[in-house]
Amino acid sequence: MQTRGLFRQKSLLYKYCNSQTALFLSGGFTPKTLYELLVTEKKLKIGSAAIVDERFGLPMHRDSNEKMIRDTGLLEYFKSLNTPMVKILNGKDIENTTKGYEKTVSKLLNSYKQKIAIMGIGEDGHTAGIPAGPYNSKDLVIKIDNFPSKFRKRITLSFEALEKMDKLIVLVFGDGKKQALNQMFEKGAIEKLPARFYVKKVSKKTILITDQKI
């Protein structure tokens, strides 16, 4: 990840986040360096944190986004500030876990003046835990049973929830994302390439940070 891109990411968070902010964190490889830097600098202040999406399984399973975030030290940093970090996985089945997180997300969206999400897109154009397909639910949180990867079951914020964010900071780094990034700006349905959501639905709220030429 380029130094300039990393500086831009942290600067935006320091600019927009405060005690009235609910910050939604994505997992995956891309934001890991950002989270580690936030822990090192110890400047970020928020009201509450939550996770954008999760690979379903037991809490803190080896490939969970929550574990990745914990391993960066960010959970411990939030704990030192008495900042609550809302988790998705709770050991229950996927139906009850999804319903429980729906209630939690609804409360966060209604309780905090400002909502910000750190997002990314996959090489196949997915975003959050939303793959290609007709996922236009009015629910804030949805379950995915057929995600095209090793972990087919996911729990994720829906497009409905993402539309309620005040800012969406979308991180796209690496040559492997180039094709999906280009396709994001092409004409076509969101159902075919979920990343088009940022261009078609929330462009005024979206801040794209990338090392690719567009």
N, C-alpha and C. Protein backbone atom coordinates (compact mmCIF):
# COMPACT_ATOMS: atom_id res chain seq x y z
N MET A 1 0.85 -1.19 0.00
CA MET A 1 0.00 0.00 0.00
C MET A 1 0.89 1.25 0.00
N GLN A 2 0.63 2.17 -0.90
CA GLN A 2 1.45 3.34 -1.02
C GLN A 2 1.31 4.24 0.21
N THR A 3 2.44 4.88 0.57
CA THR A 3 2.45 5.74 1.75
C THR A 3 1.46 6.89 1.61
N ARG A 4 1.36 7.46 0.43
CA ARG A 4 0.45 8.58 0.22
C ARG A 4 -1.00 8.16 0.44
N GLY A 5 -1.36 6.96 -0.04
CA GLY A 5 -2.71 6.45 0.16
C GLY A 5 -3.01 6.22 1.62
N LEU A 6 -2.03 5.69 2.35
CA LEU A 6 -2.21 5.44 3.77
C LEU A 6 -2.37 6.75 4.54
N PHE A 7 -1.59 7.75 4.18
CA PHE A 7 -1.70 9.06 4.81
C PHE A 7 -3.08 9.66 4.57
N ARG A 8 -3.58 9.50 3.36
CA ARG A 8 -4.90 10.02 3.01
C ARG A 8 -5.99 9.34 3.85
N GLN A 9 -5.88 8.04 4.02
CA GLN A 9 -6.88 7.28 4.78
C GLN A 9 -6.95 7.76 6.23
N LYS A 10 -5.81 7.79 6.88
CA LYS A 10 -5.81 8.18 8.30
C LYS A 10 -6.23 9.63 8.47
N SER A 11 -5.83 10.49 7.55
CA SER A 11 -6.17 11.91 7.64
C SER A 11 -7.68 12.11 7.55
N LEU A 12 -8.33 11.36 6.68
CA LEU A 12 -9.79 11.46 6.57
C LEU A 12 -10.48 11.02 7.85
N LEU A 13 -9.99 9.96 8.45
CA LEU A 13 -10.58 9.48 9.70
C LEU A 13 -10.39 10.49 10.82
N TYR A 14 -9.19 11.07 10.91
CA TYR A 14 -8.94 12.07 11.95
C TYR A 14 -9.80 13.31 11.72
N LYS A 15 -10.07 13.62 10.47
CA LYS A 15 -10.87 14.80 10.13
C LYS A 15 -12.34 14.61 10.48
N TYR A 16 -12.88 13.46 10.14
CA TYR A 16 -14.33 13.27 10.24
C TYR A 16 -14.79 12.60 11.53
N CYS A 17 -13.94 11.83 12.18
CA CYS A 17 -14.39 11.04 13.33
C CYS A 17 -14.30 11.83 14.64
N ASN A 18 -15.29 11.59 15.50
CA ASN A 18 -15.29 12.17 16.84
C ASN A 18 -16.17 11.30 17.74
N SER A 19 -16.47 11.79 18.91
CA SER A 19 -17.22 10.98 19.89
C SER A 19 -18.65 10.70 19.45
N GLN A 20 -19.12 11.38 18.40
CA GLN A 20 -20.46 11.16 17.88
C GLN A 20 -20.46 10.33 16.61
N THR A 21 -19.36 9.59 16.40
CA THR A 21 -19.21 8.79 15.19
C THR A 21 -19.30 7.30 15.48
N ALA A 22 -20.11 6.61 14.69
CA ALA A 22 -20.08 5.15 14.65
C ALA A 22 -19.26 4.75 13.44
N LEU A 23 -18.16 4.05 13.68
CA LEU A 23 -17.24 3.67 12.61
C LEU A 23 -17.38 2.19 12.31
N PHE A 24 -17.69 1.87 11.06
CA PHE A 24 -17.86 0.49 10.61
C PHE A 24 -16.59 0.05 9.88
N LEU A 25 -16.01 -1.06 10.32
CA LEU A 25 -14.71 -1.52 9.83
C LEU A 25 -14.85 -2.73 8.93
N SER A 26 -14.18 -2.67 7.78
CA SER A 26 -14.12 -3.83 6.90
C SER A 26 -12.95 -4.72 7.29
N GLY A 27 -13.05 -5.98 6.89
CA GLY A 27 -11.96 -6.91 7.12
C GLY A 27 -11.12 -7.04 5.86
N GLY A 28 -10.49 -8.19 5.71
CA GLY A 28 -9.65 -8.41 4.55
C GLY A 28 -8.25 -7.86 4.75
N PHE A 29 -7.43 -7.98 3.72
CA PHE A 29 -6.02 -7.58 3.81
C PHE A 29 -5.82 -6.07 3.69
N THR A 30 -6.62 -5.43 2.83
CA THR A 30 -6.35 -4.03 2.47
C THR A 30 -6.30 -3.06 3.65
N PRO A 31 -7.27 -3.08 4.59
CA PRO A 31 -7.23 -2.07 5.66
C PRO A 31 -6.33 -2.41 6.84
N LYS A 32 -5.67 -3.56 6.80
CA LYS A 32 -4.89 -4.01 7.95
C LYS A 32 -3.80 -3.01 8.34
N THR A 33 -3.05 -2.52 7.35
CA THR A 33 -1.97 -1.57 7.63
C THR A 33 -2.52 -0.28 8.22
N LEU A 34 -3.68 0.15 7.74
CA LEU A 34 -4.33 1.34 8.29
C LEU A 34 -4.65 1.15 9.76
N TYR A 35 -5.24 0.03 10.11
CA TYR A 35 -5.59 -0.23 11.51
C TYR A 35 -4.35 -0.24 12.40
N GLU A 36 -3.27 -0.85 11.91
CA GLU A 36 -2.03 -0.89 12.69
C GLU A 36 -1.47 0.52 12.90
N LEU A 37 -1.58 1.38 11.89
CA LEU A 37 -1.11 2.75 12.02
C LEU A 37 -1.95 3.53 13.02
N LEU A 38 -3.25 3.33 12.99
CA LEU A 38 -4.13 4.01 13.94
C LEU A 38 -3.78 3.66 15.38
N VAL A 39 -3.42 2.40 15.60
CA VAL A 39 -3.02 1.97 16.94
C VAL A 39 -1.70 2.63 17.34
N THR A 40 -0.77 2.71 16.41
CA THR A 40 0.54 3.30 16.70
C THR A 40 0.42 4.78 17.04
N GLU A 41 -0.41 5.50 16.27
CA GLU A 41 -0.50 6.95 16.47
C GLU A 41 -1.44 7.34 17.61
N LYS A 42 -2.40 6.48 17.91
CA LYS A 42 -3.30 6.72 19.05
C LYS A 42 -3.98 8.09 19.00
N LYS A 43 -4.48 8.45 17.83
CA LYS A 43 -5.17 9.73 17.67
C LYS A 43 -6.66 9.58 17.37
N LEU A 44 -7.05 8.41 16.92
CA LEU A 44 -8.43 8.22 16.51
C LEU A 44 -9.36 8.20 17.71
N LYS A 45 -10.43 8.98 17.63
CA LYS A 45 -11.46 9.03 18.67
C LYS A 45 -12.82 8.84 18.01
N ILE A 46 -13.57 7.87 18.49
CA ILE A 46 -14.91 7.59 17.95
C ILE A 46 -15.86 7.27 19.11
N GLY A 47 -17.15 7.18 18.78
CA GLY A 47 -18.12 6.83 19.80
C GLY A 47 -18.30 5.33 19.93
N SER A 48 -18.29 4.64 18.78
CA SER A 48 -18.46 3.19 18.79
C SER A 48 -17.93 2.63 17.48
N ALA A 49 -17.54 1.36 17.51
CA ALA A 49 -17.06 0.68 16.31
C ALA A 49 -17.86 -0.59 16.08
N ALA A 50 -17.95 -0.98 14.82
CA ALA A 50 -18.66 -2.21 14.46
C ALA A 50 -18.00 -2.78 13.21
N ILE A 51 -18.43 -3.96 12.82
CA ILE A 51 -17.84 -4.65 11.68
C ILE A 51 -18.82 -4.63 10.50
N VAL A 52 -18.29 -4.37 9.30
CA VAL A 52 -19.11 -4.30 8.09
C VAL A 52 -19.65 -5.67 7.72
N ASP A 53 -18.79 -6.68 7.74
CA ASP A 53 -19.22 -8.03 7.34
C ASP A 53 -18.32 -9.06 7.97
N GLU A 54 -18.78 -10.30 7.98
CA GLU A 54 -18.03 -11.36 8.65
C GLU A 54 -18.25 -12.69 7.96
N ARG A 55 -17.19 -13.48 7.96
CA ARG A 55 -17.29 -14.88 7.53
C ARG A 55 -17.92 -15.65 8.69
N PHE A 56 -19.03 -16.31 8.43
CA PHE A 56 -19.76 -16.94 9.52
C PHE A 56 -18.98 -18.12 10.11
N GLY A 57 -19.08 -18.25 11.41
CA GLY A 57 -18.43 -19.34 12.13
C GLY A 57 -18.44 -19.03 13.61
N LEU A 58 -17.61 -19.71 14.37
CA LEU A 58 -17.50 -19.43 15.79
C LEU A 58 -16.77 -18.10 16.01
N PRO A 59 -17.04 -17.42 17.12
CA PRO A 59 -16.35 -16.16 17.39
C PRO A 59 -14.83 -16.32 17.35
N MET A 60 -14.18 -15.38 16.69
CA MET A 60 -12.72 -15.34 16.59
C MET A 60 -12.14 -16.56 15.87
N HIS A 61 -12.91 -17.15 14.94
CA HIS A 61 -12.32 -18.26 14.19
C HIS A 61 -11.15 -17.74 13.35
N ARG A 62 -10.32 -18.64 12.90
CA ARG A 62 -9.02 -18.29 12.32
C ARG A 62 -9.11 -17.27 11.18
N ASP A 63 -10.16 -17.34 10.37
CA ASP A 63 -10.28 -16.47 9.20
C ASP A 63 -11.31 -15.37 9.39
N SER A 64 -11.69 -15.09 10.62
CA SER A 64 -12.71 -14.06 10.84
C SER A 64 -12.12 -12.66 10.72
N ASN A 65 -12.95 -11.75 10.29
CA ASN A 65 -12.52 -10.35 10.21
C ASN A 65 -12.26 -9.78 11.61
N GLU A 66 -13.05 -10.22 12.55
CA GLU A 66 -12.87 -9.76 13.93
C GLU A 66 -11.48 -10.11 14.44
N LYS A 67 -11.01 -11.32 14.13
CA LYS A 67 -9.68 -11.75 14.58
C LYS A 67 -8.60 -10.88 13.93
N MET A 68 -8.77 -10.59 12.63
CA MET A 68 -7.80 -9.74 11.94
C MET A 68 -7.73 -8.38 12.61
N ILE A 69 -8.90 -7.80 12.92
CA ILE A 69 -8.93 -6.49 13.56
C ILE A 69 -8.30 -6.56 14.95
N ARG A 70 -8.60 -7.62 15.68
CA ARG A 70 -7.99 -7.79 17.01
C ARG A 70 -6.47 -7.89 16.90
N ASP A 71 -5.98 -8.64 15.91
CA ASP A 71 -4.54 -8.86 15.77
C ASP A 71 -3.78 -7.57 15.43
N THR A 72 -4.46 -6.59 14.87
CA THR A 72 -3.80 -5.30 14.60
C THR A 72 -3.63 -4.48 15.88
N GLY A 73 -4.32 -4.87 16.94
CA GLY A 73 -4.26 -4.12 18.19
C GLY A 73 -5.38 -3.11 18.33
N LEU A 74 -6.23 -3.00 17.32
CA LEU A 74 -7.26 -1.97 17.33
C LEU A 74 -8.32 -2.22 18.40
N LEU A 75 -8.68 -3.46 18.64
CA LEU A 75 -9.66 -3.76 19.68
C LEU A 75 -9.14 -3.34 21.05
N GLU A 76 -7.88 -3.61 21.31
CA GLU A 76 -7.28 -3.24 22.59
C GLU A 76 -7.20 -1.72 22.74
N TYR A 77 -6.92 -1.06 21.63
CA TYR A 77 -6.88 0.40 21.66
C TYR A 77 -8.25 0.97 22.00
N PHE A 78 -9.30 0.46 21.34
CA PHE A 78 -10.65 0.91 21.65
C PHE A 78 -11.00 0.64 23.10
N LYS A 79 -10.59 -0.52 23.59
CA LYS A 79 -10.86 -0.89 24.98
C LYS A 79 -10.19 0.11 25.93
N SER A 80 -9.00 0.56 25.62
CA SER A 80 -8.29 1.51 26.47
C SER A 80 -9.00 2.85 26.55
N LEU A 81 -9.82 3.15 25.54
CA LEU A 81 -10.57 4.40 25.51
C LEU A 81 -12.01 4.22 25.98
N ASN A 82 -12.34 3.00 26.41
CA ASN A 82 -13.71 2.67 26.79
C ASN A 82 -14.68 2.87 25.62
N THR A 83 -14.19 2.62 24.42
CA THR A 83 -15.00 2.71 23.21
C THR A 83 -15.54 1.33 22.87
N PRO A 84 -16.85 1.15 22.85
CA PRO A 84 -17.40 -0.18 22.55
C PRO A 84 -17.13 -0.62 21.12
N MET A 85 -16.79 -1.88 20.96
CA MET A 85 -16.59 -2.50 19.65
C MET A 85 -17.62 -3.61 19.50
N VAL A 86 -18.56 -3.43 18.60
CA VAL A 86 -19.65 -4.38 18.42
C VAL A 86 -19.21 -5.52 17.51
N LYS A 87 -19.44 -6.73 17.95
CA LYS A 87 -19.03 -7.91 17.19
C LYS A 87 -20.26 -8.56 16.54
N ILE A 88 -20.02 -9.30 15.48
CA ILE A 88 -21.12 -9.99 14.79
C ILE A 88 -21.31 -11.39 15.35
N LEU A 89 -20.26 -12.17 15.37
CA LEU A 89 -20.37 -13.58 15.73
C LEU A 89 -20.60 -13.74 17.23
N ASN A 90 -21.53 -14.63 17.58
CA ASN A 90 -21.86 -14.83 19.00
C ASN A 90 -22.08 -16.30 19.36
N GLY A 91 -21.74 -17.20 18.45
CA GLY A 91 -21.89 -18.62 18.73
C GLY A 91 -23.26 -19.19 18.39
N LYS A 92 -24.20 -18.33 17.95
CA LYS A 92 -25.54 -18.78 17.58
C LYS A 92 -25.57 -19.16 16.11
N ASP A 93 -26.70 -19.73 15.65
CA ASP A 93 -26.83 -20.08 14.25
C ASP A 93 -26.92 -18.81 13.40
N ILE A 94 -26.77 -18.97 12.10
CA ILE A 94 -26.66 -17.80 11.22
C ILE A 94 -27.94 -16.96 11.19
N GLU A 95 -29.09 -17.60 11.33
CA GLU A 95 -30.36 -16.85 11.31
C GLU A 95 -30.45 -15.92 12.51
N ASN A 96 -30.22 -16.46 13.69
CA ASN A 96 -30.31 -15.65 14.91
C ASN A 96 -29.18 -14.62 15.00
N THR A 97 -28.01 -14.98 14.50
CA THR A 97 -26.90 -14.02 14.50
C THR A 97 -27.22 -12.84 13.60
N THR A 98 -27.80 -13.12 12.45
CA THR A 98 -28.17 -12.05 11.51
C THR A 98 -29.23 -11.14 12.12
N LYS A 99 -30.24 -11.72 12.74
CA LYS A 99 -31.31 -10.93 13.36
C LYS A 99 -30.76 -10.08 14.51
N GLY A 100 -29.86 -10.66 15.28
CA GLY A 100 -29.28 -9.92 16.39
C GLY A 100 -28.44 -8.74 15.93
N TYR A 101 -27.68 -8.95 14.86
CA TYR A 101 -26.85 -7.86 14.36
C TYR A 101 -27.70 -6.79 13.68
N GLU A 102 -28.81 -7.18 13.10
CA GLU A 102 -29.76 -6.21 12.54
C GLU A 102 -30.20 -5.21 13.63
N LYS A 103 -30.56 -5.72 14.79
CA LYS A 103 -30.99 -4.85 15.89
C LYS A 103 -29.85 -3.94 16.35
N THR A 104 -28.65 -4.50 16.41
CA THR A 104 -27.49 -3.73 16.85
C THR A 104 -27.18 -2.60 15.87
N VAL A 105 -27.17 -2.91 14.58
CA VAL A 105 -26.87 -1.90 13.57
C VAL A 105 -27.93 -0.81 13.55
N SER A 106 -29.19 -1.20 13.69
CA SER A 106 -30.27 -0.22 13.72
C SER A 106 -30.07 0.75 14.88
N LYS A 107 -29.67 0.23 16.02
CA LYS A 107 -29.43 1.08 17.20
C LYS A 107 -28.26 2.03 16.96
N LEU A 108 -27.19 1.52 16.35
CA LEU A 108 -26.03 2.36 16.08
C LEU A 108 -26.39 3.49 15.12
N LEU A 109 -27.12 3.16 14.07
CA LEU A 109 -27.47 4.16 13.07
C LEU A 109 -28.37 5.25 13.66
N ASN A 110 -29.19 4.86 14.62
CA ASN A 110 -30.10 5.83 15.24
C ASN A 110 -29.48 6.59 16.41
N SER A 111 -28.39 6.05 16.98
CA SER A 111 -27.82 6.64 18.18
C SER A 111 -26.71 7.64 17.91
N TYR A 112 -26.04 7.51 16.75
CA TYR A 112 -24.88 8.36 16.48
C TYR A 112 -25.17 9.36 15.36
N LYS A 113 -24.70 10.55 15.57
CA LYS A 113 -24.95 11.64 14.63
C LYS A 113 -24.28 11.38 13.29
N GLN A 114 -23.14 10.74 13.34
CA GLN A 114 -22.35 10.52 12.12
C GLN A 114 -21.98 9.05 11.98
N LYS A 115 -22.12 8.52 10.76
CA LYS A 115 -21.79 7.13 10.48
C LYS A 115 -20.79 7.07 9.33
N ILE A 116 -19.69 6.39 9.57
CA ILE A 116 -18.64 6.28 8.56
C ILE A 116 -18.27 4.80 8.41
N ALA A 117 -18.05 4.38 7.17
CA ALA A 117 -17.65 3.00 6.92
C ALA A 117 -16.37 2.96 6.08
N ILE A 118 -15.45 2.11 6.48
CA ILE A 118 -14.24 1.83 5.71
C ILE A 118 -14.55 0.60 4.85
N MET A 119 -14.52 0.77 3.55
CA MET A 119 -14.95 -0.28 2.64
C MET A 119 -13.82 -0.70 1.70
N GLY A 120 -14.08 -1.76 0.96
CA GLY A 120 -13.16 -2.20 -0.08
C GLY A 120 -13.96 -2.88 -1.17
N ILE A 121 -13.30 -3.26 -2.24
CA ILE A 121 -13.94 -4.08 -3.26
C ILE A 121 -13.02 -5.26 -3.57
N GLY A 122 -13.62 -6.38 -3.93
CA GLY A 122 -12.86 -7.57 -4.25
C GLY A 122 -12.50 -7.62 -5.72
N GLU A 123 -11.63 -8.54 -6.07
CA GLU A 123 -11.22 -8.68 -7.47
C GLU A 123 -12.39 -9.03 -8.37
N ASP A 124 -13.43 -9.63 -7.80
CA ASP A 124 -14.62 -9.98 -8.58
C ASP A 124 -15.67 -8.87 -8.53
N GLY A 125 -15.35 -7.75 -7.87
CA GLY A 125 -16.27 -6.62 -7.81
C GLY A 125 -17.24 -6.65 -6.65
N HIS A 126 -17.10 -7.62 -5.73
CA HIS A 126 -18.00 -7.62 -4.57
C HIS A 126 -17.57 -6.51 -3.61
N THR A 127 -18.47 -6.13 -2.73
CA THR A 127 -18.13 -5.18 -1.69
C THR A 127 -18.84 -5.58 -0.41
N ALA A 128 -18.26 -5.25 0.75
CA ALA A 128 -18.73 -5.80 2.02
C ALA A 128 -18.77 -7.33 1.84
N GLY A 129 -19.85 -7.97 2.26
CA GLY A 129 -19.99 -9.41 2.01
C GLY A 129 -21.02 -9.68 0.94
N ILE A 130 -21.22 -8.70 0.04
CA ILE A 130 -22.28 -8.79 -0.96
C ILE A 130 -21.69 -9.20 -2.31
N PRO A 131 -21.99 -10.41 -2.79
CA PRO A 131 -21.52 -10.83 -4.11
C PRO A 131 -22.50 -10.40 -5.19
N ALA A 132 -22.19 -10.72 -6.43
CA ALA A 132 -23.12 -10.45 -7.52
C ALA A 132 -24.42 -11.19 -7.27
N GLY A 133 -25.53 -10.53 -7.54
CA GLY A 133 -26.84 -11.16 -7.33
C GLY A 133 -27.87 -10.13 -6.90
N PRO A 134 -29.12 -10.55 -6.81
CA PRO A 134 -30.22 -9.62 -6.46
C PRO A 134 -30.35 -9.43 -4.95
N TYR A 135 -29.44 -8.66 -4.35
CA TYR A 135 -29.46 -8.47 -2.90
C TYR A 135 -29.95 -7.07 -2.54
N ASN A 136 -31.18 -6.76 -2.90
CA ASN A 136 -31.75 -5.44 -2.66
C ASN A 136 -32.70 -5.44 -1.48
N SER A 137 -32.29 -6.07 -0.41
CA SER A 137 -33.14 -6.20 0.78
C SER A 137 -33.31 -4.86 1.48
N LYS A 138 -34.46 -4.67 2.12
CA LYS A 138 -34.70 -3.49 2.95
C LYS A 138 -34.14 -3.68 4.36
N ASP A 139 -33.69 -4.89 4.68
CA ASP A 139 -33.05 -5.14 5.97
C ASP A 139 -31.68 -4.46 6.00
N LEU A 140 -31.24 -4.11 7.18
CA LEU A 140 -29.92 -3.49 7.33
C LEU A 140 -28.79 -4.52 7.29
N VAL A 141 -29.11 -5.72 7.69
CA VAL A 141 -28.13 -6.82 7.74
C VAL A 141 -28.73 -8.02 7.03
N ILE A 142 -27.94 -8.66 6.18
CA ILE A 142 -28.42 -9.84 5.45
C ILE A 142 -27.40 -10.97 5.59
N LYS A 143 -27.90 -12.17 5.38
CA LYS A 143 -27.01 -13.34 5.36
C LYS A 143 -26.84 -13.79 3.91
N ILE A 144 -25.66 -14.25 3.60
CA ILE A 144 -25.33 -14.76 2.27
C ILE A 144 -24.97 -16.23 2.42
N ASP A 145 -25.64 -17.08 1.66
CA ASP A 145 -25.38 -18.52 1.76
C ASP A 145 -24.48 -19.05 0.65
N ASN A 146 -24.26 -18.25 -0.39
CA ASN A 146 -23.54 -18.76 -1.56
C ASN A 146 -22.43 -17.83 -2.02
N PHE A 147 -21.70 -17.23 -1.07
CA PHE A 147 -20.60 -16.37 -1.44
C PHE A 147 -19.55 -17.20 -2.18
N PRO A 148 -19.04 -16.69 -3.32
CA PRO A 148 -18.13 -17.49 -4.16
C PRO A 148 -16.70 -17.57 -3.62
N SER A 149 -16.53 -18.23 -2.49
CA SER A 149 -15.20 -18.42 -1.92
C SER A 149 -15.26 -19.59 -0.96
N LYS A 150 -14.16 -19.83 -0.27
CA LYS A 150 -14.10 -20.92 0.71
C LYS A 150 -15.18 -20.76 1.76
N PHE A 151 -15.37 -19.53 2.24
CA PHE A 151 -16.39 -19.27 3.26
C PHE A 151 -17.66 -18.78 2.58
N ARG A 152 -18.56 -19.71 2.30
CA ARG A 152 -19.75 -19.39 1.51
C ARG A 152 -20.82 -18.66 2.33
N LYS A 153 -20.78 -18.83 3.65
CA LYS A 153 -21.76 -18.17 4.50
C LYS A 153 -21.19 -16.89 5.08
N ARG A 154 -21.89 -15.79 4.85
CA ARG A 154 -21.45 -14.47 5.32
C ARG A 154 -22.61 -13.75 5.98
N ILE A 155 -22.29 -12.83 6.86
CA ILE A 155 -23.26 -11.88 7.40
C ILE A 155 -22.70 -10.50 7.09
N THR A 156 -23.53 -9.64 6.52
CA THR A 156 -23.02 -8.38 6.03
C THR A 156 -24.03 -7.25 6.12
N LEU A 157 -23.53 -6.03 6.24
CA LEU A 157 -24.38 -4.88 6.05
C LEU A 157 -24.92 -4.92 4.63
N SER A 158 -26.16 -4.53 4.46
CA SER A 158 -26.79 -4.51 3.15
C SER A 158 -26.54 -3.16 2.47
N PHE A 159 -26.95 -3.06 1.21
CA PHE A 159 -26.90 -1.76 0.53
C PHE A 159 -27.78 -0.75 1.26
N GLU A 160 -28.88 -1.23 1.84
CA GLU A 160 -29.78 -0.35 2.59
C GLU A 160 -29.03 0.32 3.74
N ALA A 161 -28.22 -0.45 4.46
CA ALA A 161 -27.42 0.11 5.56
C ALA A 161 -26.33 1.03 5.05
N LEU A 162 -25.66 0.63 3.98
CA LEU A 162 -24.57 1.43 3.45
C LEU A 162 -25.06 2.78 2.93
N GLU A 163 -26.28 2.83 2.44
CA GLU A 163 -26.85 4.10 1.98
C GLU A 163 -27.06 5.08 3.14
N LYS A 164 -27.14 4.58 4.34
CA LYS A 164 -27.37 5.43 5.50
C LYS A 164 -26.08 6.01 6.07
N MET A 165 -24.94 5.61 5.52
CA MET A 165 -23.66 6.15 5.98
C MET A 165 -23.51 7.59 5.50
N ASP A 166 -22.82 8.40 6.31
CA ASP A 166 -22.52 9.77 5.91
C ASP A 166 -21.28 9.83 5.02
N LYS A 167 -20.34 8.92 5.26
CA LYS A 167 -19.15 8.82 4.44
C LYS A 167 -18.80 7.34 4.24
N LEU A 168 -18.39 7.01 3.01
CA LEU A 168 -17.90 5.68 2.71
C LEU A 168 -16.50 5.84 2.13
N ILE A 169 -15.51 5.41 2.90
CA ILE A 169 -14.12 5.51 2.46
C ILE A 169 -13.75 4.17 1.84
N VAL A 170 -13.62 4.16 0.52
CA VAL A 170 -13.44 2.91 -0.23
C VAL A 170 -11.97 2.76 -0.61
N LEU A 171 -11.33 1.70 -0.12
CA LEU A 171 -9.92 1.45 -0.35
C LEU A 171 -9.75 0.39 -1.43
N VAL A 172 -9.02 0.73 -2.49
CA VAL A 172 -8.80 -0.21 -3.60
C VAL A 172 -7.32 -0.18 -3.96
N PHE A 173 -6.59 -1.21 -3.57
CA PHE A 173 -5.15 -1.25 -3.81
C PHE A 173 -4.75 -2.58 -4.43
N GLY A 174 -3.76 -2.54 -5.31
CA GLY A 174 -3.23 -3.74 -5.92
C GLY A 174 -3.71 -3.93 -7.35
N ASP A 175 -2.81 -4.45 -8.18
CA ASP A 175 -3.14 -4.66 -9.60
C ASP A 175 -4.31 -5.63 -9.78
N GLY A 176 -4.49 -6.53 -8.82
CA GLY A 176 -5.58 -7.49 -8.93
C GLY A 176 -6.96 -6.85 -8.90
N LYS A 177 -7.03 -5.61 -8.40
CA LYS A 177 -8.33 -4.91 -8.32
C LYS A 177 -8.59 -4.02 -9.53
N LYS A 178 -7.62 -3.93 -10.44
CA LYS A 178 -7.72 -2.97 -11.55
C LYS A 178 -8.94 -3.21 -12.43
N GLN A 179 -9.19 -4.45 -12.80
CA GLN A 179 -10.32 -4.74 -13.67
C GLN A 179 -11.64 -4.41 -13.01
N ALA A 180 -11.80 -4.82 -11.75
CA ALA A 180 -13.04 -4.53 -11.03
C ALA A 180 -13.24 -3.02 -10.88
N LEU A 181 -12.15 -2.30 -10.64
CA LEU A 181 -12.24 -0.85 -10.48
C LEU A 181 -12.69 -0.19 -11.78
N ASN A 182 -12.12 -0.63 -12.90
CA ASN A 182 -12.54 -0.08 -14.19
C ASN A 182 -14.00 -0.40 -14.48
N GLN A 183 -14.41 -1.63 -14.19
CA GLN A 183 -15.79 -2.04 -14.44
C GLN A 183 -16.77 -1.29 -13.55
N MET A 184 -16.31 -0.84 -12.39
CA MET A 184 -17.16 -0.10 -11.47
C MET A 184 -17.70 1.17 -12.12
N PHE A 185 -16.92 1.76 -13.00
CA PHE A 185 -17.31 3.01 -13.65
C PHE A 185 -17.98 2.79 -15.00
N GLU A 186 -18.13 1.54 -15.40
CA GLU A 186 -18.80 1.24 -16.66
C GLU A 186 -20.31 1.13 -16.44
N LYS A 187 -21.06 1.28 -17.52
CA LYS A 187 -22.49 1.08 -17.45
C LYS A 187 -22.78 -0.38 -17.14
N GLY A 188 -23.82 -0.61 -16.38
CA GLY A 188 -24.18 -1.98 -16.03
C GLY A 188 -24.91 -2.02 -14.71
N ALA A 189 -25.45 -3.16 -14.38
CA ALA A 189 -26.27 -3.30 -13.18
C ALA A 189 -25.41 -3.55 -11.95
N ILE A 190 -25.88 -3.02 -10.84
CA ILE A 190 -25.23 -3.30 -9.54
C ILE A 190 -25.28 -4.79 -9.26
N GLU A 191 -26.36 -5.44 -9.67
CA GLU A 191 -26.50 -6.88 -9.43
C GLU A 191 -25.39 -7.68 -10.10
N LYS A 192 -24.83 -7.15 -11.19
CA LYS A 192 -23.75 -7.84 -11.89
C LYS A 192 -22.39 -7.52 -11.27
N LEU A 193 -22.25 -6.31 -10.75
CA LEU A 193 -21.00 -5.89 -10.13
C LEU A 193 -21.35 -4.99 -8.94
N PRO A 194 -21.41 -5.54 -7.74
CA PRO A 194 -21.85 -4.78 -6.56
C PRO A 194 -21.09 -3.47 -6.33
N ALA A 195 -19.81 -3.40 -6.74
CA ALA A 195 -19.03 -2.18 -6.52
C ALA A 195 -19.63 -0.97 -7.24
N ARG A 196 -20.45 -1.19 -8.24
CA ARG A 196 -21.11 -0.07 -8.94
C ARG A 196 -22.06 0.70 -8.02
N PHE A 197 -22.39 0.12 -6.90
CA PHE A 197 -23.23 0.80 -5.91
C PHE A 197 -22.65 2.16 -5.54
N TYR A 198 -21.31 2.23 -5.42
CA TYR A 198 -20.68 3.47 -4.99
C TYR A 198 -20.81 4.58 -6.04
N VAL A 199 -20.89 4.19 -7.29
CA VAL A 199 -21.02 5.17 -8.38
C VAL A 199 -22.48 5.52 -8.64
N LYS A 200 -23.34 4.53 -8.58
CA LYS A 200 -24.73 4.71 -8.96
C LYS A 200 -25.63 5.22 -7.82
N LYS A 201 -25.28 4.89 -6.59
CA LYS A 201 -26.19 5.19 -5.46
C LYS A 201 -25.64 6.21 -4.47
N VAL A 202 -24.36 6.16 -4.19
CA VAL A 202 -23.82 6.99 -3.10
C VAL A 202 -22.56 7.74 -3.50
N SER A 203 -22.49 8.18 -4.73
CA SER A 203 -21.27 8.81 -5.23
C SER A 203 -20.89 10.05 -4.43
N LYS A 204 -21.88 10.82 -3.97
CA LYS A 204 -21.59 12.05 -3.23
C LYS A 204 -21.05 11.77 -1.83
N LYS A 205 -21.27 10.57 -1.34
CA LYS A 205 -20.79 10.21 0.00
C LYS A 205 -19.49 9.40 -0.06
N THR A 206 -19.11 8.97 -1.25
CA THR A 206 -18.00 8.04 -1.40
C THR A 206 -16.68 8.75 -1.65
N ILE A 207 -15.66 8.34 -0.90
CA ILE A 207 -14.30 8.82 -1.12
C ILE A 207 -13.47 7.60 -1.52
N LEU A 208 -13.02 7.60 -2.76
CA LEU A 208 -12.26 6.47 -3.29
C LEU A 208 -10.77 6.75 -3.17
N ILE A 209 -10.05 5.82 -2.55
CA ILE A 209 -8.60 5.93 -2.42
C ILE A 209 -7.98 4.71 -3.08
N THR A 210 -7.16 4.93 -4.11
CA THR A 210 -6.63 3.81 -4.87
C THR A 210 -5.25 4.11 -5.41
N ASP A 211 -4.51 3.06 -5.73
CA ASP A 211 -3.22 3.21 -6.38
C ASP A 211 -3.31 2.93 -7.87
N GLN A 212 -4.53 2.79 -8.37
CA GLN A 212 -4.75 2.51 -9.78
C GLN A 212 -5.17 3.77 -10.54
N LYS A 213 -4.83 3.82 -11.82
CA LYS A 213 -5.28 4.90 -12.67
C LYS A 213 -6.71 4.61 -13.13
N ILE A 214 -7.58 5.60 -13.04
CA ILE A 214 -8.98 5.41 -13.42
C ILE A 214 -9.25 6.14 -14.74
